[in-house]
Protein backbone atom coordinates (compact mmCIF):
# COMPACT_ATOMS: atom_id res chain seq x y z
CA UNK A 1 92.94 119.57 -9.62
CA UNK A 2 96.49 118.42 -9.27
CA UNK A 3 97.63 116.26 -6.42
CA UNK A 4 100.93 116.83 -4.64
CA UNK A 5 102.69 113.63 -3.60
CA UNK A 6 103.60 113.55 0.04
CA UNK A 7 107.19 113.08 1.03
CA UNK A 8 108.14 109.76 2.54
CA UNK A 9 108.37 109.72 6.27
CA UNK A 10 111.94 109.18 7.33
CA UNK A 11 112.75 106.28 9.73
CA UNK A 12 113.90 107.38 13.20
CA UNK A 13 117.66 108.06 13.51
CA UNK A 14 119.67 105.52 15.47
CA UNK A 15 121.46 107.01 18.53
CA UNK A 16 124.74 105.21 19.23
CA UNK A 17 124.84 103.44 22.64
CA UNK A 18 127.28 104.89 25.17
CA UNK A 19 130.09 102.59 26.48
CA UNK A 20 128.47 102.67 29.91
CA UNK A 21 125.09 101.58 28.55
CA UNK A 22 126.87 98.89 26.52
CA UNK A 23 128.22 97.52 29.87
CA UNK A 24 124.91 97.81 31.39
CA UNK A 25 123.34 95.73 28.60
CA UNK A 26 126.12 93.11 29.21
CA UNK A 27 125.34 92.97 32.85
CA UNK A 28 121.65 92.41 32.11
CA UNK A 29 122.35 89.43 29.77
CA UNK A 30 124.77 87.97 32.27
CA UNK A 31 122.02 88.09 35.03
CA UNK A 32 119.47 86.65 32.69
CA UNK A 33 121.79 83.74 31.73
CA UNK A 34 121.88 82.80 35.43
CA UNK A 35 118.22 83.33 35.73
CA UNK A 36 117.42 80.20 33.66
CA UNK A 37 119.22 78.20 36.31
CA UNK A 38 117.35 79.93 39.13
CA UNK A 39 113.99 79.27 37.48
CA UNK A 40 114.95 75.67 36.88
CA UNK A 41 115.68 75.20 40.56
CA UNK A 42 112.58 77.01 41.79
CA UNK A 43 110.16 75.16 39.41
CA UNK A 44 111.33 71.96 40.81
CA UNK A 45 109.47 72.90 43.99
CA UNK A 46 106.98 75.57 43.09
CA UNK A 47 104.40 75.11 40.20
CA UNK A 48 105.54 77.44 37.31
CA UNK A 49 102.48 79.56 36.74
CA UNK A 50 102.14 80.04 40.52
CA UNK A 51 105.73 80.97 40.66
CA UNK A 52 105.28 83.78 38.02
CA UNK A 53 102.22 85.10 39.86
CA UNK A 54 104.43 85.25 43.03
CA UNK A 55 107.04 87.13 41.06
CA UNK A 56 104.85 89.83 39.95
CA UNK A 57 102.77 90.00 43.12
CA UNK A 58 105.81 90.36 45.35
CA UNK A 59 107.30 93.05 43.13
CA UNK A 60 104.03 95.05 43.19
CA UNK A 61 103.89 94.79 47.02
CA UNK A 62 107.51 95.87 47.44
CA UNK A 63 107.52 98.66 44.86
CA UNK A 64 104.02 100.17 44.52
CA UNK A 65 103.92 101.94 47.89
CA UNK A 66 106.87 104.10 46.91
CA UNK A 67 105.80 104.87 43.36
CA UNK A 68 103.32 107.25 41.69
CA UNK A 69 100.25 105.85 39.88
CA UNK A 70 100.48 105.47 36.08
CA UNK A 71 98.52 107.82 33.82
CA UNK A 72 95.00 106.73 32.91
CA UNK A 73 96.07 106.74 29.21
CA UNK A 74 98.79 104.24 29.97
CA UNK A 75 96.49 101.71 31.75
CA UNK A 76 95.29 99.88 28.56
CA UNK A 77 98.90 99.41 27.27
CA UNK A 78 100.01 98.27 30.81
CA UNK A 79 97.11 95.69 30.65
CA UNK A 80 98.30 94.58 27.30
CA UNK A 81 101.91 94.24 28.34
CA UNK A 82 100.87 92.37 31.47
CA UNK A 83 99.12 89.74 29.36
CA UNK A 84 101.76 89.56 26.78
CA UNK A 85 104.89 89.63 28.96
CA UNK A 86 103.62 88.45 32.45
CA UNK A 87 101.12 85.72 31.50
CA UNK A 88 102.48 84.87 28.00
CA UNK A 89 106.23 85.11 28.09
CA UNK A 90 106.98 84.37 31.75
CA UNK A 91 104.25 81.76 32.11
CA UNK A 92 105.36 79.81 29.02
CA UNK A 93 109.07 80.08 29.90
CA UNK A 94 108.66 78.85 33.38
CA UNK A 95 106.40 76.02 32.16
CA UNK A 96 109.04 74.97 29.60
CA UNK A 97 111.68 74.71 32.30
CA UNK A 98 109.41 72.73 34.53
CA UNK A 99 108.86 70.24 31.63
CA UNK A 100 112.52 69.18 31.94
CA UNK A 101 114.17 71.47 29.37
CA UNK A 102 117.78 72.17 30.35
CA UNK A 103 118.64 75.83 31.44
CA UNK A 104 121.12 76.00 28.60
CA UNK A 105 118.56 74.75 26.04
CA UNK A 106 115.91 77.29 27.13
CA UNK A 107 118.50 80.12 26.96
CA UNK A 108 118.89 79.11 23.26
CA UNK A 109 115.19 78.61 22.37
CA UNK A 110 114.26 81.99 23.74
CA UNK A 111 116.52 83.64 21.12
CA UNK A 112 113.69 83.55 18.60
CA UNK A 113 112.80 86.86 20.22
CA UNK A 114 115.72 88.64 18.57
CA UNK A 115 114.59 88.52 14.95
CA UNK A 116 110.95 88.78 16.05
CA UNK A 117 111.61 91.96 17.96
CA UNK A 118 113.41 93.50 15.04
CA UNK A 119 110.64 92.61 12.59
CA UNK A 120 107.99 93.84 15.10
CA UNK A 121 109.74 97.10 15.59
CA UNK A 122 110.07 97.67 11.84
CA UNK A 123 106.44 96.79 11.18
CA UNK A 124 104.93 98.61 14.15
CA UNK A 125 107.20 101.38 15.06
CA UNK A 126 108.92 102.14 11.73
CA UNK A 127 112.43 101.47 13.07
CA UNK A 128 114.91 100.90 10.35
CA UNK A 129 117.42 97.99 10.07
CA UNK A 130 120.88 98.80 8.88
CA UNK A 131 122.94 96.40 6.81
CA UNK A 132 125.34 96.01 9.67
CA UNK A 133 122.39 95.27 11.99
CA UNK A 134 121.10 92.70 9.67
CA UNK A 135 124.49 91.02 9.27
CA UNK A 136 124.91 90.94 13.02
CA UNK A 137 121.45 89.33 13.35
CA UNK A 138 122.30 86.70 10.75
CA UNK A 139 125.61 85.79 12.44
CA UNK A 140 123.87 85.56 15.77
CA UNK A 141 121.07 83.35 14.55
CA UNK A 142 123.52 81.03 12.86
CA UNK A 143 125.10 80.73 16.19
CA UNK A 144 121.66 80.03 17.82
CA UNK A 145 121.00 77.36 15.18
CA UNK A 146 124.34 75.61 15.84
CA UNK A 147 123.63 75.55 19.66
CA UNK A 148 120.12 74.21 18.94
CA UNK A 149 121.57 71.52 16.73
CA UNK A 150 122.92 69.78 19.77
CA UNK A 151 121.18 66.25 19.92
CA UNK A 152 120.06 66.84 23.58
CA UNK A 153 117.82 69.76 22.42
CA UNK A 154 115.81 67.53 20.25
CA UNK A 155 114.83 65.26 23.18
CA UNK A 156 112.30 67.59 24.68
CA UNK A 157 110.40 69.05 21.65
CA UNK A 158 107.34 69.91 23.82
CA UNK A 159 109.44 72.19 26.01
CA UNK A 160 111.33 73.64 23.05
CA UNK A 161 108.05 74.56 21.33
CA UNK A 162 106.71 76.24 24.52
CA UNK A 163 110.08 78.15 24.70
CA UNK A 164 109.77 79.36 21.17
CA UNK A 165 106.28 80.75 21.91
CA UNK A 166 107.59 82.47 25.01
CA UNK A 167 110.28 84.12 22.77
CA UNK A 168 107.81 85.44 20.39
CA UNK A 169 105.69 86.97 23.03
CA UNK A 170 108.71 88.64 24.61
CA UNK A 171 109.54 90.27 21.27
CA UNK A 172 106.12 91.80 20.88
CA UNK A 173 106.15 92.94 24.52
CA UNK A 174 109.30 95.01 23.80
CA UNK A 175 107.37 96.89 21.03
CA UNK A 176 104.41 97.46 23.44
CA UNK A 177 106.90 98.91 26.02
CA UNK A 178 108.07 101.39 23.39
CA UNK A 179 104.56 102.37 22.52
CA UNK A 180 103.86 102.86 26.22
CA UNK A 181 106.68 105.38 26.40
CA UNK A 182 104.89 107.57 23.90
CA UNK A 183 102.11 108.14 26.48
CA UNK A 184 104.50 109.66 29.07
CA UNK A 185 107.55 108.59 30.86
CA UNK A 186 107.28 105.52 33.02
CA UNK A 187 110.28 104.56 35.13
CA UNK A 188 111.67 101.03 35.02
CA UNK A 189 110.54 100.26 38.55
CA UNK A 190 107.06 101.70 37.80
CA UNK A 191 106.73 99.30 34.85
CA UNK A 192 108.02 96.38 37.11
CA UNK A 193 105.37 97.21 39.73
CA UNK A 194 102.32 98.11 37.78
CA UNK A 195 102.33 95.05 35.51
CA UNK A 196 101.42 93.04 38.62
CA UNK A 197 97.71 94.06 38.90
CA UNK A 198 97.16 93.10 35.27
CA UNK A 199 98.80 89.66 35.25
CA UNK A 200 98.63 88.20 38.86
CA UNK A 201 94.85 87.42 38.55
CA UNK A 202 95.00 85.61 35.30
CA UNK A 203 98.14 83.73 36.44
CA UNK A 204 96.49 82.59 39.67
CA UNK A 205 93.38 81.52 37.74
CA UNK A 206 95.50 79.43 35.35
CA UNK A 207 97.55 78.04 38.14
CA UNK A 208 94.59 76.80 40.16
CA UNK A 209 92.94 75.35 36.96
CA UNK A 210 95.96 73.43 35.65
CA UNK A 211 98.32 73.06 38.59
CA UNK A 212 98.28 71.66 42.18
CA UNK A 213 100.50 71.67 45.32
CA UNK A 214 100.79 75.45 45.65
CA UNK A 215 100.22 75.43 49.41
CA UNK A 216 102.55 72.57 49.99
CA UNK A 217 105.27 74.20 47.82
CA UNK A 218 105.12 77.27 50.07
CA UNK A 219 105.19 75.33 53.22
CA UNK A 220 108.14 73.17 52.31
CA UNK A 221 110.57 75.68 50.69
CA UNK A 222 114.16 74.62 50.96
CA UNK A 223 117.19 76.87 50.97
CA UNK A 224 118.01 76.27 47.39
CA UNK A 225 114.52 77.36 46.45
CA UNK A 226 114.62 80.42 48.64
CA UNK A 227 117.91 81.51 47.11
CA UNK A 228 116.55 80.95 43.59
CA UNK A 229 113.49 83.03 44.39
CA UNK A 230 115.67 85.88 45.79
CA UNK A 231 117.67 85.74 42.58
CA UNK A 232 114.61 85.80 40.34
CA UNK A 233 113.10 88.79 42.31
CA UNK A 234 116.23 90.80 43.12
CA UNK A 235 118.68 90.09 40.33
CA UNK A 236 116.59 89.24 37.32
CA UNK A 237 113.56 91.28 38.11
CA UNK A 238 114.57 94.45 39.94
CA UNK A 239 118.04 94.89 38.56
CA UNK A 240 118.02 93.26 35.18
CA UNK A 241 114.54 94.18 33.96
CA UNK A 242 114.82 97.68 35.51
CA UNK A 243 118.06 98.21 33.47
CA UNK A 244 116.37 96.72 30.42
CA UNK A 245 113.41 99.07 30.45
CA UNK A 246 115.88 101.93 31.06
CA UNK A 247 117.80 100.95 27.81
CA UNK A 248 114.48 100.59 25.74
CA UNK A 249 113.46 103.98 26.75
CA UNK A 250 116.66 105.53 25.22
CA UNK A 251 117.50 103.26 22.20
CA UNK A 252 115.77 101.56 19.47
CA UNK A 253 114.38 98.03 20.01
CA UNK A 254 116.78 96.52 17.60
CA UNK A 255 119.83 98.11 19.16
CA UNK A 256 118.92 96.79 22.67
CA UNK A 257 117.51 93.37 21.76
CA UNK A 258 120.67 92.37 19.81
CA UNK A 259 122.34 91.84 23.13
CA UNK A 260 119.90 89.06 23.84
CA UNK A 261 122.03 86.96 21.48
CA UNK A 262 124.52 86.74 24.36
CA UNK A 263 122.04 85.24 26.73
CA UNK A 264 122.52 81.66 25.48
CA UNK A 265 126.31 81.99 26.08
CA UNK A 266 125.66 83.09 29.66
CA UNK A 267 122.90 80.46 30.05
CA UNK A 268 125.06 77.60 28.76
CA UNK A 269 127.81 78.51 31.13
CA UNK A 270 125.57 78.91 34.06
CA UNK A 271 124.00 75.49 33.25
CA UNK A 272 127.41 73.82 33.05
CA UNK A 273 128.87 75.44 36.14
CA UNK A 274 125.91 75.28 38.43
CA UNK A 275 123.67 72.47 37.23
CA UNK A 276 126.29 70.02 35.79
CA UNK A 277 124.88 70.28 32.31
CA UNK A 278 127.14 69.25 29.41
CA UNK A 279 128.45 71.75 26.75
CA UNK A 280 129.29 70.18 23.43
CA UNK A 281 131.33 71.44 20.49
CA UNK A 282 128.28 72.73 18.69
CA UNK A 283 127.38 74.81 21.63
CA UNK A 284 130.79 76.33 21.93
CA UNK A 285 130.95 77.09 18.14
CA UNK A 286 127.55 78.60 18.29
CA UNK A 287 128.60 80.87 21.09
CA UNK A 288 131.43 82.14 18.94
CA UNK A 289 129.06 83.11 16.18
CA UNK A 290 126.72 84.73 18.66
CA UNK A 291 129.40 86.97 20.14
CA UNK A 292 130.60 87.84 16.60
CA UNK A 293 127.07 88.93 15.76
CA UNK A 294 126.91 91.36 18.65
CA UNK A 295 130.41 92.68 17.77
CA UNK A 296 129.48 93.32 14.19
CA UNK A 297 126.55 95.50 15.26
CA UNK A 298 128.14 97.42 18.16
CA UNK A 299 131.80 97.85 17.71
CA UNK A 300 131.50 100.50 14.90
CA UNK A 301 129.12 102.47 17.16
CA UNK A 302 131.66 103.15 19.88
CA UNK A 303 133.05 106.75 20.06
CA UNK A 304 136.17 107.51 18.04
CA UNK A 305 138.75 107.28 20.84
CA UNK A 306 137.52 103.83 21.93
CA UNK A 307 137.46 102.58 18.29
CA UNK A 308 141.22 103.56 18.16
CA UNK A 309 141.91 101.38 21.15
CA UNK A 310 140.77 98.34 19.40
């Protein structure tokens, strides 16, 4: 009996991002660049794992009363995302900043998530990488390498290693979020809220096992820490992550995560302006490569009238 070869499954088509959504992605990375400074300030007073637990716990208490419950089929994936993103990514990133890593350095180290996210999406979701996308990623990662080549980055290898692990977990969490969408629509704020029940418990357990001073930290909050906490909760969590989940629901993982290459530029600028960190020639040159990588990927995707304005 003869066998008929099955036709290869085509990779999902890439939908161009609208100019408005491009601007939204740029706003997100600008907020996240400043978030490294906010976390740096907050972890000087509040233990890092306890701070992450507060982040997710407060978001759940604020948002959950106004939101519907997720579907039962979504609960296992929400639990997985809670462990990967909440406990893994956020926990490790906050710990790295508490170890003395500069905000600008962390904003660079975390960029390992960009190639990891593209590879995860290709391997798990079947998303295709265009030549332009690959070229943009290459330019961007050259920029990341240049920024990371600054001598000050090599002085805290422990924090750098923790930051790299945090970036890898963030990349896989983006793929998990895409898989979650296949089990029914989940609004950005629902995702922000319903990750809390799955990660607050493990974070509190880890905090009380490996950290101390939680009660004293809450009793002695200063204004700088309060403002930093408000930024982490309001700007970086409610606004930026809400917008990020919105974009992931409409575009491929590779299209959206390419913008993360701009985070070190924003993070370095925030560190220099707000924390007095230094910015060397290598960092500035790396920023040029990073911006160029994003431009290579996105400028040809703009609508015809906008392309003619360039």
